[in-house]
Amino acid sequence: MQHIGGPLKKFLKSAGLEKGIAQQNAMETWSDVVGKNVSNNTEPIGVEHGILTVKTETPAWRQELQFQKKQIIETLNKKLNKKVIKDIRFI
C-alpha cells in the first residue's frame, strides 16, 4: 500500500496549489519563528506573491521588526524548507 503523502504532493503541485499551501504554512509558523512576545504583539494577515503582511500593535513594534526582517525571513524559509517568503510588510 502506497503512503498518501506522495500522490497528494504530486496532485497539489499539478493543480498549482503547492505555493498557496506553503504561503499559508508561513503564516501558521509565524509565532514559532518570532516567539511568544513578538507573536502577542503581531498578527500575520496574508501572503501575496511571496510578501507576508503582518499587522503590528504599535509603530514601535513595526520599527523594531523592520530591523529584524532579514533574519525573520531567513528563519521562516528555513523552517518551511523552501524560499516561500521574499519580503515582509509590517503595517
C-alpha atoms as a PDB file:
ATOM      1  CA  MET A   1       0.000   0.000   0.000  1.00  0.00           C
ATOM      2  CA  GLN A   2       1.312   3.446  -1.002  1.00  0.00           C
ATOM      3  CA  HIS A   3       1.563   6.302   1.513  1.00  0.00           C
ATOM      4  CA  ILE A   4      -0.861   9.134   0.661  1.00  0.00           C
ATOM      5  CA  GLY A   5       1.791  11.865   1.049  1.00  0.00           C
ATOM      6  CA  GLY A   6       3.463  11.224  -2.307  1.00  0.00           C
ATOM      7  CA  PRO A   7       0.355  11.275  -4.516  1.00  0.00           C
ATOM      8  CA  LEU A   8      -1.115  14.185  -2.542  1.00  0.00           C
ATOM      9  CA  LYS A   9       2.050  16.252  -3.018  1.00  0.00           C
ATOM     10  CA  LYS A  10       2.029  15.425  -6.731  1.00  0.00           C
ATOM     11  CA  PHE A  11      -1.622  16.466  -7.048  1.00  0.00           C
ATOM     12  CA  LEU A  12      -1.066  19.768  -5.207  1.00  0.00           C
ATOM     13  CA  LYS A  13       1.859  20.591  -7.467  1.00  0.00           C
ATOM     14  CA  SER A  14      -0.009  19.722 -10.665  1.00  0.00           C
ATOM     15  CA  ALA A  15      -3.065  21.700  -9.527  1.00  0.00           C
ATOM     16  CA  GLY A  16      -0.913  24.750  -8.760  1.00  0.00           C
ATOM     17  CA  LEU A  17      -1.832  24.716  -5.077  1.00  0.00           C
ATOM     18  CA  GLU A  18       1.590  23.918  -3.625  1.00  0.00           C
ATOM     19  CA  LYS A  19       2.691  27.568  -3.441  1.00  0.00           C
ATOM     20  CA  GLY A  20      -0.526  28.685  -1.741  1.00  0.00           C
ATOM     21  CA  ILE A  21      -0.229  25.975   0.886  1.00  0.00           C
ATOM     22  CA  ALA A  22       3.409  26.874   1.536  1.00  0.00           C
ATOM     23  CA  GLN A  23       2.400  30.517   1.995  1.00  0.00           C
ATOM     24  CA  GLN A  24      -0.375  29.528   4.413  1.00  0.00           C
ATOM     25  CA  ASN A  25       2.161  27.446   6.346  1.00  0.00           C
ATOM     26  CA  ALA A  26       4.351  30.549   6.654  1.00  0.00           C
ATOM     27  CA  MET A  27       1.507  32.351   8.413  1.00  0.00           C
ATOM     28  CA  GLU A  28       0.906  29.407  10.725  1.00  0.00           C
ATOM     29  CA  THR A  29       4.630  29.175  11.525  1.00  0.00           C
ATOM     30  CA  TRP A  30       4.925  32.884  12.378  1.00  0.00           C
ATOM     31  CA  SER A  31       4.543  32.513  16.160  1.00  0.00           C
ATOM     32  CA  ASP A  32       7.080  29.660  16.314  1.00  0.00           C
ATOM     33  CA  VAL A  33       9.644  31.718  14.416  1.00  0.00           C
ATOM     34  CA  VAL A  34       9.278  35.063  16.216  1.00  0.00           C
ATOM     35  CA  GLY A  35       8.494  33.814  19.729  1.00  0.00           C
ATOM     36  CA  LYS A  36       5.714  34.493  22.196  1.00  0.00           C
ATOM     37  CA  ASN A  37       6.463  38.156  22.951  1.00  0.00           C
ATOM     38  CA  VAL A  38       6.501  39.248  19.307  1.00  0.00           C
ATOM     39  CA  SER A  39       3.615  36.941  18.461  1.00  0.00           C
ATOM     40  CA  ASN A  40       1.462  38.540  21.170  1.00  0.00           C
ATOM     41  CA  ASN A  41       2.004  41.941  19.541  1.00  0.00           C
ATOM     42  CA  THR A  42       1.656  40.991  15.880  1.00  0.00           C
ATOM     43  CA  GLU A  43      -0.703  39.142  13.574  1.00  0.00           C
ATOM     44  CA  PRO A  44       0.154  37.741  10.142  1.00  0.00           C
ATOM     45  CA  ILE A  45      -2.797  38.684   7.937  1.00  0.00           C
ATOM     46  CA  GLY A  46      -1.839  37.432   4.489  1.00  0.00           C
ATOM     47  CA  VAL A  47       0.720  36.405   1.917  1.00  0.00           C
ATOM     48  CA  GLU A  48       0.599  37.586  -1.659  1.00  0.00           C
ATOM     49  CA  HIS A  49       3.322  36.975  -4.254  1.00  0.00           C
ATOM     50  CA  GLY A  50       5.763  35.948  -1.514  1.00  0.00           C
ATOM     51  CA  ILE A  51       5.174  39.071   0.581  1.00  0.00           C
ATOM     52  CA  LEU A  52       3.952  38.361   4.114  1.00  0.00           C
ATOM     53  CA  THR A  53       1.851  41.161   5.587  1.00  0.00           C
ATOM     54  CA  VAL A  54       1.982  41.423   9.372  1.00  0.00           C
ATOM     55  CA  LYS A  55      -0.141  43.768  11.474  1.00  0.00           C
ATOM     56  CA  THR A  56       1.669  45.221  14.489  1.00  0.00           C
ATOM     57  CA  GLU A  57       0.156  46.608  17.680  1.00  0.00           C
ATOM     58  CA  THR A  58       2.212  49.810  17.694  1.00  0.00           C
ATOM     59  CA  PRO A  59       4.566  51.807  15.480  1.00  0.00           C
ATOM     60  CA  ALA A  60       7.383  50.885  17.908  1.00  0.00           C
ATOM     61  CA  TRP A  61       6.830  47.175  17.174  1.00  0.00           C
ATOM     62  CA  ARG A  62       6.727  47.936  13.460  1.00  0.00           C
ATOM     63  CA  GLN A  63      10.087  49.719  13.651  1.00  0.00           C
ATOM     64  CA  GLU A  64      11.738  47.037  15.808  1.00  0.00           C
ATOM     65  CA  LEU A  65      10.607  44.242  13.485  1.00  0.00           C
ATOM     66  CA  GLN A  66      11.819  46.182  10.461  1.00  0.00           C
ATOM     67  CA  PHE A  67      15.349  45.851  11.867  1.00  0.00           C
ATOM     68  CA  GLN A  68      14.877  42.067  12.292  1.00  0.00           C
ATOM     69  CA  LYS A  69      13.132  41.468   8.963  1.00  0.00           C
ATOM     70  CA  LYS A  70      16.018  39.784   7.133  1.00  0.00           C
ATOM     71  CA  GLN A  71      16.602  37.307   9.963  1.00  0.00           C
ATOM     72  CA  ILE A  72      12.867  36.553  10.282  1.00  0.00           C
ATOM     73  CA  ILE A  73      12.589  35.851   6.536  1.00  0.00           C
ATOM     74  CA  GLU A  74      15.602  33.524   6.642  1.00  0.00           C
ATOM     75  CA  THR A  75      14.265  31.643   9.672  1.00  0.00           C
ATOM     76  CA  LEU A  76      10.764  31.326   8.200  1.00  0.00           C
ATOM     77  CA  ASN A  77      12.072  29.950   4.909  1.00  0.00           C
ATOM     78  CA  LYS A  78      14.437  27.582   6.703  1.00  0.00           C
ATOM     79  CA  LYS A  79      11.572  26.226   8.801  1.00  0.00           C
ATOM     80  CA  LEU A  80       9.466  25.751   5.649  1.00  0.00           C
ATOM     81  CA  ASN A  81      12.372  24.071   3.805  1.00  0.00           C
ATOM     82  CA  LYS A  82      11.943  26.336   0.778  1.00  0.00           C
ATOM     83  CA  LYS A  83      12.077  30.005  -0.184  1.00  0.00           C
ATOM     84  CA  VAL A  84       8.435  30.953   0.206  1.00  0.00           C
ATOM     85  CA  ILE A  85       8.701  34.432   1.726  1.00  0.00           C
ATOM     86  CA  LYS A  86      10.634  37.107  -0.183  1.00  0.00           C
ATOM     87  CA  ASP A  87       9.674  40.097   1.962  1.00  0.00           C
ATOM     88  CA  ILE A  88       7.630  41.105   4.992  1.00  0.00           C
ATOM     89  CA  ARG A  89       5.451  44.203   5.100  1.00  0.00           C
ATOM     90  CA  PHE A  90       4.667  45.473   8.585  1.00  0.00           C
ATOM     91  CA  ILE A  91       1.526  47.579   8.934  1.00  0.00           C
END
